[in-house]
Every structure is written in structure tokens, then in C-alpha cells.
PDB file of N, CA and C in Angstrom:
ATOM      1  N   UNK A   1      40.438  61.499 -29.218  1.00  0.00           N
ATOM      2  CA  UNK A   1      39.322  60.584 -29.304  1.00  0.00           C
ATOM      3  C   UNK A   1      38.085  61.228 -28.717  1.00  0.00           C
ATOM      4  N   UNK A   2      36.983  60.662 -28.994  1.00  0.00           N
ATOM      5  CA  UNK A   2      35.708  61.144 -28.487  1.00  0.00           C
ATOM      6  C   UNK A   2      35.610  60.827 -26.987  1.00  0.00           C
ATOM      7  N   UNK A   3      34.896  61.658 -26.235  1.00  0.00           N
ATOM      8  CA  UNK A   3      34.819  61.545 -24.782  1.00  0.00           C
ATOM      9  C   UNK A   3      34.426  60.146 -24.303  1.00  0.00           C
ATOM     10  N   UNK A   4      33.383  59.550 -24.893  1.00  0.00           N
ATOM     11  CA  UNK A   4      32.944  58.227 -24.435  1.00  0.00           C
ATOM     12  C   UNK A   4      34.008  57.160 -24.676  1.00  0.00           C
ATOM     13  N   UNK A   5      34.787  57.310 -25.728  1.00  0.00           N
ATOM     14  CA  UNK A   5      35.894  56.376 -25.970  1.00  0.00           C
ATOM     15  C   UNK A   5      36.992  56.606 -24.937  1.00  0.00           C
ATOM     16  N   UNK A   6      37.211  57.864 -24.558  1.00  0.00           N
ATOM     17  CA  UNK A   6      38.197  58.161 -23.513  1.00  0.00           C
ATOM     18  C   UNK A   6      37.817  57.463 -22.211  1.00  0.00           C
ATOM     19  N   UNK A   7      36.521  57.427 -21.897  1.00  0.00           N
ATOM     20  CA  UNK A   7      36.065  56.712 -20.700  1.00  0.00           C
ATOM     21  C   UNK A   7      36.408  55.220 -20.789  1.00  0.00           C
ATOM     22  N   UNK A   8      36.191  54.637 -21.975  1.00  0.00           N
ATOM     23  CA  UNK A   8      36.512  53.216 -22.169  1.00  0.00           C
ATOM     24  C   UNK A   8      38.017  52.964 -22.047  1.00  0.00           C
ATOM     25  N   UNK A   9      38.823  53.862 -22.601  1.00  0.00           N
ATOM     26  CA  UNK A   9      40.283  53.713 -22.516  1.00  0.00           C
ATOM     27  C   UNK A   9      40.740  53.804 -21.067  1.00  0.00           C
ATOM     28  N   UNK A  10      40.171  54.735 -20.318  1.00  0.00           N
ATOM     29  CA  UNK A  10      40.533  54.869 -18.898  1.00  0.00           C
ATOM     30  C   UNK A  10      40.182  53.600 -18.127  1.00  0.00           C
ATOM     31  N   UNK A  11      39.015  53.018 -18.392  1.00  0.00           N
ATOM     32  CA  UNK A  11      38.618  51.780 -17.725  1.00  0.00           C
ATOM     33  C   UNK A  11      39.518  50.620 -18.144  1.00  0.00           C
ATOM     34  N   UNK A  12      39.863  50.538 -19.427  1.00  0.00           N
ATOM     35  CA  UNK A  12      40.760  49.479 -19.895  1.00  0.00           C
ATOM     36  C   UNK A  12      42.131  49.615 -19.233  1.00  0.00           C
ATOM     37  N   UNK A  13      42.608  50.838 -19.117  1.00  0.00           N
ATOM     38  CA  UNK A  13      43.898  51.063 -18.454  1.00  0.00           C
ATOM     39  C   UNK A  13      43.834  50.594 -17.005  1.00  0.00           C
ATOM     40  N   UNK A  14      42.744  50.916 -16.318  1.00  0.00           N
ATOM     41  CA  UNK A  14      42.572  50.484 -14.926  1.00  0.00           C
ATOM     42  C   UNK A  14      42.611  48.963 -14.819  1.00  0.00           C
ATOM     43  N   UNK A  15      41.911  48.283 -15.746  1.00  0.00           N
ATOM     44  CA  UNK A  15      41.878  46.829 -15.718  1.00  0.00           C
ATOM     45  C   UNK A  15      43.252  46.222 -16.006  1.00  0.00           C
ATOM     46  N   UNK A  16      44.085  46.943 -16.753  1.00  0.00           N
ATOM     47  CA  UNK A  16      45.445  46.481 -17.049  1.00  0.00           C
ATOM     48  C   UNK A  16      46.449  46.890 -15.977  1.00  0.00           C
ATOM     49  N   UNK A  17      45.971  47.577 -14.951  1.00  0.00           N
ATOM     50  CA  UNK A  17      46.847  48.019 -13.874  1.00  0.00           C
ATOM     51  C   UNK A  17      47.663  49.251 -14.227  1.00  0.00           C
ATOM     52  N   UNK A  18      47.226  50.009 -15.231  1.00  0.00           N
ATOM     53  CA  UNK A  18      47.930  51.223 -15.629  1.00  0.00           C
ATOM     54  C   UNK A  18      47.277  52.432 -14.983  1.00  0.00           C
ATOM     55  N   UNK A  19      48.096  53.373 -14.572  1.00  0.00           N
ATOM     56  CA  UNK A  19      47.599  54.586 -13.948  1.00  0.00           C
ATOM     57  C   UNK A  19      47.506  55.705 -14.979  1.00  0.00           C
ATOM     58  N   UNK A  20      46.378  56.400 -14.975  1.00  0.00           N
ATOM     59  CA  UNK A  20      46.199  57.594 -15.789  1.00  0.00           C
ATOM     60  C   UNK A  20      46.324  58.776 -14.826  1.00  0.00           C
ATOM     61  N   UNK A  21      47.280  59.643 -14.990  1.00  0.00           N
ATOM     62  CA  UNK A  21      48.142  59.885 -16.146  1.00  0.00           C
ATOM     63  C   UNK A  21      49.579  59.413 -15.988  1.00  0.00           C
ATOM     64  N   UNK A  22      49.915  58.748 -14.898  1.00  0.00           N
ATOM     65  CA  UNK A  22      51.320  58.383 -14.681  1.00  0.00           C
ATOM     66  C   UNK A  22      51.855  57.419 -15.736  1.00  0.00           C
ATOM     67  N   UNK A  23      51.071  56.426 -16.136  1.00  0.00           N
ATOM     68  CA  UNK A  23      51.505  55.448 -17.134  1.00  0.00           C
ATOM     69  C   UNK A  23      50.980  55.758 -18.532  1.00  0.00           C
ATOM     70  N   UNK A  24      49.840  56.436 -18.600  1.00  0.00           N
ATOM     71  CA  UNK A  24      49.160  56.660 -19.874  1.00  0.00           C
ATOM     72  C   UNK A  24      48.423  57.993 -19.816  1.00  0.00           C
ATOM     73  N   UNK A  25      48.657  58.831 -20.815  1.00  0.00           N
ATOM     74  CA  UNK A  25      47.911  60.084 -20.919  1.00  0.00           C
ATOM     75  C   UNK A  25      46.767  59.907 -21.903  1.00  0.00           C
ATOM     76  N   UNK A  26      45.637  60.535 -21.596  1.00  0.00           N
ATOM     77  CA  UNK A  26      44.466  60.470 -22.467  1.00  0.00           C
ATOM     78  C   UNK A  26      43.996  61.901 -22.732  1.00  0.00           C
ATOM     79  N   UNK A  27      43.739  62.195 -24.000  1.00  0.00           N
ATOM     80  CA  UNK A  27      43.171  63.489 -24.382  1.00  0.00           C
ATOM     81  C   UNK A  27      41.993  63.207 -25.311  1.00  0.00           C
ATOM     82  N   UNK A  28      40.941  64.013 -25.192  1.00  0.00           N
ATOM     83  CA  UNK A  28      39.756  63.785 -26.001  1.00  0.00           C
ATOM     84  C   UNK A  28      39.151  65.112 -26.453  1.00  0.00           C
ATOM     85  N   UNK A  29      38.065  65.025 -27.189  1.00  0.00           N
ATOM     86  CA  UNK A  29      37.295  66.197 -27.574  1.00  0.00           C
ATOM     87  C   UNK A  29      36.178  66.381 -26.570  1.00  0.00           C
ATOM     88  N   UNK A  30      36.042  67.588 -26.078  1.00  0.00           N
ATOM     89  CA  UNK A  30      34.968  67.963 -25.166  1.00  0.00           C
ATOM     90  C   UNK A  30      34.901  67.019 -23.962  1.00  0.00           C
ATOM     91  N   UNK A  31      34.517  67.557 -22.853  1.00  0.00           N
ATOM     92  CA  UNK A  31      34.420  66.776 -21.620  1.00  0.00           C
ATOM     93  C   UNK A  31      33.353  67.429 -20.764  1.00  0.00           C
ATOM     94  N   UNK A  32      32.277  66.732 -20.486  1.00  0.00           N
ATOM     95  CA  UNK A  32      31.220  67.359 -19.692  1.00  0.00           C
ATOM     96  C   UNK A  32      31.702  67.669 -18.279  1.00  0.00           C
ATOM     97  N   UNK A  33      31.260  68.774 -17.761  1.00  0.00           N
ATOM     98  CA  UNK A  33      31.577  69.143 -16.384  1.00  0.00           C
ATOM     99  C   UNK A  33      30.444  68.614 -15.512  1.00  0.00           C
ATOM    100  N   UNK A  34      30.556  67.321 -15.197  1.00  0.00           N
ATOM    101  CA  UNK A  34      29.459  66.682 -14.465  1.00  0.00           C
ATOM    102  C   UNK A  34      29.735  66.538 -12.970  1.00  0.00           C
ATOM    103  N   UNK A  35      30.794  67.163 -12.501  1.00  0.00           N
ATOM    104  CA  UNK A  35      31.086  67.129 -11.076  1.00  0.00           C
ATOM    105  C   UNK A  35      31.545  65.783 -10.568  1.00  0.00           C
ATOM    106  N   UNK A  36      32.007  64.900 -11.467  1.00  0.00           N
ATOM    107  CA  UNK A  36      32.429  63.558 -11.059  1.00  0.00           C
ATOM    108  C   UNK A  36      33.785  63.562 -10.366  1.00  0.00           C
ATOM    109  N   UNK A  37      34.500  64.675 -10.414  1.00  0.00           N
ATOM    110  CA  UNK A  37      35.804  64.744  -9.778  1.00  0.00           C
ATOM    111  C   UNK A  37      36.951  64.408 -10.710  1.00  0.00           C
ATOM    112  N   UNK A  38      36.678  63.856 -11.891  1.00  0.00           N
ATOM    113  CA  UNK A  38      37.738  63.552 -12.851  1.00  0.00           C
ATOM    114  C   UNK A  38      37.428  64.266 -14.151  1.00  0.00           C
ATOM    115  N   UNK A  39      38.398  65.032 -14.603  1.00  0.00           N
ATOM    116  CA  UNK A  39      38.205  65.703 -15.889  1.00  0.00           C
ATOM    117  C   UNK A  39      39.358  65.330 -16.814  1.00  0.00           C
ATOM    118  N   UNK A  40      39.017  64.946 -18.021  1.00  0.00           N
ATOM    119  CA  UNK A  40      40.020  64.628 -19.024  1.00  0.00           C
ATOM    120  C   UNK A  40      40.612  65.916 -19.588  1.00  0.00           C
ATOM    121  N   UNK A  41      41.891  65.874 -19.928  1.00  0.00           N
ATOM    122  CA  UNK A  41      42.454  66.927 -20.749  1.00  0.00           C
ATOM    123  C   UNK A  41      41.728  66.824 -22.079  1.00  0.00           C
ATOM    124  N   UNK A  42      41.233  67.961 -22.567  1.00  0.00           N
ATOM    125  CA  UNK A  42      40.411  67.887 -23.767  1.00  0.00           C
ATOM    126  C   UNK A  42      40.498  69.167 -24.595  1.00  0.00           C
ATOM    127  N   UNK A  43      40.078  69.032 -25.830  1.00  0.00           N
ATOM    128  CA  UNK A  43      39.916  70.178 -26.705  1.00  0.00           C
ATOM    129  C   UNK A  43      38.445  70.557 -26.673  1.00  0.00           C
ATOM    130  N   UNK A  44      38.184  71.758 -26.178  1.00  0.00           N
ATOM    131  CA  UNK A  44      36.803  72.243 -26.136  1.00  0.00           C
ATOM    132  C   UNK A  44      36.489  72.852 -27.493  1.00  0.00           C
ATOM    133  N   UNK A  45      35.581  72.207 -28.205  1.00  0.00           N
ATOM    134  CA  UNK A  45      35.199  72.660 -29.533  1.00  0.00           C
ATOM    135  C   UNK A  45      34.126  73.738 -29.424  1.00  0.00           C
ATOM    136  N   UNK A  46      34.116  74.636 -30.392  1.00  0.00           N
ATOM    137  CA  UNK A  46      33.093  75.669 -30.444  1.00  0.00           C
ATOM    138  C   UNK A  46      31.859  75.056 -31.097  1.00  0.00           C
ATOM    139  N   UNK A  47      31.037  74.416 -30.292  1.00  0.00           N
ATOM    140  CA  UNK A  47      29.906  73.660 -30.819  1.00  0.00           C
ATOM    141  C   UNK A  47      28.849  74.547 -31.463  1.00  0.00           C
ATOM    142  N   UNK A  48      28.655  75.746 -30.933  1.00  0.00           N
ATOM    143  CA  UNK A  48      27.681  76.651 -31.556  1.00  0.00           C
ATOM    144  C   UNK A  48      28.134  77.049 -32.955  1.00  0.00           C
ATOM    145  N   UNK A  49      29.400  77.390 -33.101  1.00  0.00           N
ATOM    146  CA  UNK A  49      29.923  77.768 -34.414  1.00  0.00           C
ATOM    147  C   UNK A  49      29.906  76.577 -35.370  1.00  0.00           C
ATOM    148  N   UNK A  50      30.197  75.394 -34.843  1.00  0.00           N
ATOM    149  CA  UNK A  50      30.163  74.186 -35.660  1.00  0.00           C
ATOM    150  C   UNK A  50      28.754  73.938 -36.202  1.00  0.00           C
ATOM    151  N   UNK A  51      27.762  74.091 -35.339  1.00  0.00           N
ATOM    152  CA  UNK A  51      26.375  73.911 -35.755  1.00  0.00           C
ATOM    153  C   UNK A  51      25.930  74.969 -36.755  1.00  0.00           C
ATOM    154  N   UNK A  52      26.334  76.219 -36.518  1.00  0.00           N
ATOM    155  CA  UNK A  52      25.975  77.300 -37.426  1.00  0.00           C
ATOM    156  C   UNK A  52      26.565  77.059 -38.806  1.00  0.00           C
ATOM    157  N   UNK A  53      27.852  76.672 -38.862  1.00  0.00           N
ATOM    158  CA  UNK A  53      28.512  76.422 -40.145  1.00  0.00           C
ATOM    159  C   UNK A  53      27.849  75.249 -40.867  1.00  0.00           C
ATOM    160  N   UNK A  54      27.504  74.205 -40.137  1.00  0.00           N
ATOM    161  CA  UNK A  54      26.846  73.048 -40.753  1.00  0.00           C
ATOM    162  C   UNK A  54      25.489  73.448 -41.329  1.00  0.00           C
ATOM    163  N   UNK A  55      24.728  74.223 -40.571  1.00  0.00           N
ATOM    164  CA  UNK A  55      23.416  74.660 -41.035  1.00  0.00           C
ATOM    165  C   UNK A  55      23.535  75.522 -42.292  1.00  0.00           C
ATOM    166  N   UNK A  56      24.497  76.450 -42.281  1.00  0.00           N
ATOM    167  CA  UNK A  56      24.704  77.300 -43.455  1.00  0.00           C
ATOM    168  C   UNK A  56      25.107  76.473 -44.679  1.00  0.00           C
ATOM    169  N   UNK A  57      25.918  75.451 -44.467  1.00  0.00           N
ATOM    170  CA  UNK A  57      26.322  74.599 -45.588  1.00  0.00           C
ATOM    171  C   UNK A  57      25.134  73.819 -46.153  1.00  0.00           C
ATOM    172  N   UNK A  58      24.258  73.355 -45.284  1.00  0.00           N
ATOM    173  CA  UNK A  58      23.071  72.649 -45.760  1.00  0.00           C
ATOM    174  C   UNK A  58      22.217  73.580 -46.616  1.00  0.00           C
ATOM    175  N   UNK A  59      22.055  74.821 -46.174  1.00  0.00           N
ATOM    176  CA  UNK A  59      21.284  75.784 -46.961  1.00  0.00           C
ATOM    177  C   UNK A  59      21.946  76.054 -48.310  1.00  0.00           C
ATOM    178  N   UNK A  60      23.273  76.142 -48.320  1.00  0.00           N
ATOM    179  CA  UNK A  60      24.008  76.358 -49.568  1.00  0.00           C
ATOM    180  C   UNK A  60      23.798  75.168 -50.517  1.00  0.00           C
ATOM    181  N   UNK A  61      23.909  73.965 -49.983  1.00  0.00           N
ATOM    182  CA  UNK A  61      23.725  72.766 -50.802  1.00  0.00           C
ATOM    183  C   UNK A  61      22.301  72.689 -51.341  1.00  0.00           C
ATOM    184  N   UNK A  62      21.340  73.034 -50.506  1.00  0.00           N
ATOM    185  CA  UNK A  62      19.937  73.021 -50.923  1.00  0.00           C
ATOM    186  C   UNK A  62      19.703  73.955 -52.112  1.00  0.00           C
ATOM    187  N   UNK A  63      20.450  75.058 -52.123  1.00  0.00           N
ATOM    188  CA  UNK A  63      20.322  76.034 -53.204  1.00  0.00           C
ATOM    189  C   UNK A  63      21.210  75.708 -54.406  1.00  0.00           C
ATOM    190  N   UNK A  64      21.824  74.514 -54.388  1.00  0.00           N
ATOM    191  CA  UNK A  64      22.647  74.083 -55.509  1.00  0.00           C
ATOM    192  C   UNK A  64      24.034  74.682 -55.532  1.00  0.00           C
ATOM    193  N   UNK A  65      24.439  75.311 -54.457  1.00  0.00           N
ATOM    194  CA  UNK A  65      25.766  75.927 -54.386  1.00  0.00           C
ATOM    195  C   UNK A  65      26.767  74.929 -53.808  1.00  0.00           C
ATOM    196  N   UNK A  66      28.030  75.192 -54.040  1.00  0.00           N
ATOM    197  CA  UNK A  66      29.079  74.341 -53.480  1.00  0.00           C
ATOM    198  C   UNK A  66      29.486  74.867 -52.107  1.00  0.00           C
ATOM    199  N   UNK A  67      30.020  73.975 -51.326  1.00  0.00           N
ATOM    200  CA  UNK A  67      30.513  74.352 -49.993  1.00  0.00           C
ATOM    201  C   UNK A  67      31.978  73.957 -49.902  1.00  0.00           C
ATOM    202  N   UNK A  68      32.730  74.608 -49.030  1.00  0.00           N
ATOM    203  CA  UNK A  68      34.141  74.259 -48.898  1.00  0.00           C
ATOM    204  C   UNK A  68      34.296  72.813 -48.417  1.00  0.00           C
ATOM    205  N   UNK A  69      35.304  72.093 -48.916  1.00  0.00           N
ATOM    206  CA  UNK A  69      35.492  70.707 -48.488  1.00  0.00           C
ATOM    207  C   UNK A  69      35.981  70.593 -47.046  1.00  0.00           C
ATOM    208  N   UNK A  70      36.489  71.709 -46.513  1.00  0.00           N
ATOM    209  CA  UNK A  70      37.041  71.669 -45.163  1.00  0.00           C
ATOM    210  C   UNK A  70      36.814  73.022 -44.502  1.00  0.00           C
ATOM    211  N   UNK A  71      36.373  72.999 -43.260  1.00  0.00           N
ATOM    212  CA  UNK A  71      36.191  74.217 -42.478  1.00  0.00           C
ATOM    213  C   UNK A  71      36.997  74.052 -41.198  1.00  0.00           C
ATOM    214  N   UNK A  72      37.794  75.041 -40.880  1.00  0.00           N
ATOM    215  CA  UNK A  72      38.618  74.985 -39.687  1.00  0.00           C
ATOM    216  C   UNK A  72      38.042  75.904 -38.619  1.00  0.00           C
ATOM    217  N   UNK A  73      37.827  75.357 -37.445  1.00  0.00           N
ATOM    218  CA  UNK A  73      37.334  76.129 -36.307  1.00  0.00           C
ATOM    219  C   UNK A  73      38.348  76.011 -35.176  1.00  0.00           C
ATOM    220  N   UNK A  74      38.453  77.057 -34.397  1.00  0.00           N
ATOM    221  CA  UNK A  74      39.377  77.020 -33.266  1.00  0.00           C
ATOM    222  C   UNK A  74      38.827  76.150 -32.142  1.00  0.00           C
ATOM    223  N   UNK A  75      39.740  75.608 -31.349  1.00  0.00           N
ATOM    224  CA  UNK A  75      39.383  74.832 -30.166  1.00  0.00           C
ATOM    225  C   UNK A  75      40.287  75.282 -29.031  1.00  0.00           C
ATOM    226  N   UNK A  76      39.811  75.130 -27.812  1.00  0.00           N
ATOM    227  CA  UNK A  76      40.574  75.541 -26.643  1.00  0.00           C
ATOM    228  C   UNK A  76      41.070  74.305 -25.900  1.00  0.00           C
ATOM    229  N   UNK A  77      42.373  74.258 -25.601  1.00  0.00           N
ATOM    230  CA  UNK A  77      42.936  73.141 -24.839  1.00  0.00           C
ATOM    231  C   UNK A  77      42.650  73.364 -23.359  1.00  0.00           C
ATOM    232  N   UNK A  78      41.962  72.409 -22.754  1.00  0.00           N
ATOM    233  CA  UNK A  78      41.643  72.453 -21.328  1.00  0.00           C
ATOM    234  C   UNK A  78      42.440  71.326 -20.662  1.00  0.00           C
ATOM    235  N   UNK A  79      43.385  71.685 -19.824  1.00  0.00           N
ATOM    236  CA  UNK A  79      44.219  70.681 -19.159  1.00  0.00           C
ATOM    237  C   UNK A  79      43.449  70.111 -17.976  1.00  0.00           C
ATOM    238  N   UNK A  80      43.284  68.804 -17.991  1.00  0.00           N
ATOM    239  CA  UNK A  80      42.574  68.106 -16.924  1.00  0.00           C
ATOM    240  C   UNK A  80      43.515  67.179 -16.172  1.00  0.00           C
ATOM    241  N   UNK A  81      42.954  66.118 -15.637  1.00  0.00           N
ATOM    242  CA  UNK A  81      43.718  65.182 -14.801  1.00  0.00           C
ATOM    243  C   UNK A  81      44.216  63.961 -15.559  1.00  0.00           C
ATOM    244  N   UNK A  82      44.050  63.939 -16.890  1.00  0.00           N
ATOM    245  CA  UNK A  82      44.380  62.720 -17.640  1.00  0.00           C
ATOM    246  C   UNK A  82      45.698  62.800 -18.408  1.00  0.00           C
ATOM    247  N   UNK A  83      46.477  63.854 -18.204  1.00  0.00           N
ATOM    248  CA  UNK A  83      47.765  63.971 -18.887  1.00  0.00           C
ATOM    249  C   UNK A  83      48.837  64.394 -17.896  1.00  0.00           C
ATOM    250  N   UNK A  84      50.058  63.945 -18.170  1.00  0.00           N
ATOM    251  CA  UNK A  84      51.201  64.308 -17.334  1.00  0.00           C
ATOM    252  C   UNK A  84      52.452  64.293 -18.192  1.00  0.00           C
ATOM    253  N   UNK A  85      53.461  64.972 -17.721  1.00  0.00           N
ATOM    254  CA  UNK A  85      54.760  64.946 -18.385  1.00  0.00           C
ATOM    255  C   UNK A  85      55.378  63.574 -18.127  1.00  0.00           C
ATOM    256  N   UNK A  86      55.924  62.906 -19.160  1.00  0.00           N
ATOM    257  CA  UNK A  86      56.527  61.589 -18.941  1.00  0.00           C
ATOM    258  C   UNK A  86      57.696  61.673 -17.969  1.00  0.00           C
ATOM    259  N   UNK A  87      57.834  60.660 -17.131  1.00  0.00           N
ATOM    260  CA  UNK A  87      58.968  60.615 -16.212  1.00  0.00           C
ATOM    261  C   UNK A  87      60.237  60.359 -17.012  1.00  0.00           C
ATOM    262  N   UNK A  88      61.386  60.825 -16.535  1.00  0.00           N
ATOM    263  CA  UNK A  88      62.643  60.629 -17.274  1.00  0.00           C
ATOM    264  C   UNK A  88      62.919  59.165 -17.603  1.00  0.00           C
ATOM    265  N   UNK A  89      62.511  58.241 -16.740  1.00  0.00           N
ATOM    266  CA  UNK A  89      62.762  56.827 -17.005  1.00  0.00           C
ATOM    267  C   UNK A  89      61.897  56.310 -18.151  1.00  0.00           C
ATOM    268  N   UNK A  90      60.775  56.948 -18.444  1.00  0.00           N
ATOM    269  CA  UNK A  90      59.870  56.506 -19.496  1.00  0.00           C
ATOM    270  C   UNK A  90      60.176  57.144 -20.844  1.00  0.00           C
ATOM    271  N   UNK A  91      60.900  58.259 -20.857  1.00  0.00           N
ATOM    272  CA  UNK A  91      61.144  58.990 -22.098  1.00  0.00           C
ATOM    273  C   UNK A  91      61.857  58.107 -23.115  1.00  0.00           C
ATOM    274  N   UNK A  92      62.809  57.302 -22.688  1.00  0.00           N
ATOM    275  CA  UNK A  92      63.526  56.412 -23.604  1.00  0.00           C
ATOM    276  C   UNK A  92      62.640  55.336 -24.197  1.00  0.00           C
ATOM    277  N   UNK A  93      61.495  55.054 -23.556  1.00  0.00           N
ATOM    278  CA  UNK A  93      60.596  54.008 -24.036  1.00  0.00           C
ATOM    279  C   UNK A  93      59.602  54.541 -25.061  1.00  0.00           C
ATOM    280  N   UNK A  94      59.531  55.857 -25.222  1.00  0.00           N
ATOM    281  CA  UNK A  94      58.544  56.442 -26.123  1.00  0.00           C
ATOM    282  C   UNK A  94      58.991  56.393 -27.561  1.00  0.00           C
TER     283      UNK A  94
END
């Protein structure tokens, strides 16, 4: 999920009395390093490459050319404080 939605999910979990990551793991795309002390496990997207590819596709479309329907870019998994291995007692509930 998107980072801002991850924040909402974490708050909803807190209001329901659920602990992140003991009861619920959350993973999102990108996570700002704002020094808040909590970092989500996230996929760090290559935003510069994403922007470059989008710009090149716009130029191709402007020139009447076709663009690929799908472009795959690598992402890096950054393990934060929002994921944990399920406890043995919870594995049967998954």
C-alpha cells in the first residue's frame, strides 16, 4: 500500500488494540526518513528511473509512437519496524 495509507492502517490497528508488528504486519511503498523513530518495512522504488521512463514515454506518445504497456523497474526491500515473523500460535490462524 501507499505510505499514507500505511499510516492510516497503523492508527486503525492502534485503535483496535492491535500491535504492529506483533499482531499485524504492514508493508508499503517508499517511506520517508523523517526521524520519527518508526519506519515501515517498505519497497524503495527507483523514483528517478520511474520519472525518466515516464518522461520518455510521453515524448514517444507525442511523436505518435507506441509505448510498452508495462515497464518493470527494480525495487529494494527495506526491513523496518512494521513486520515480524508470525508467532507459532498465530500460524494456524493464517
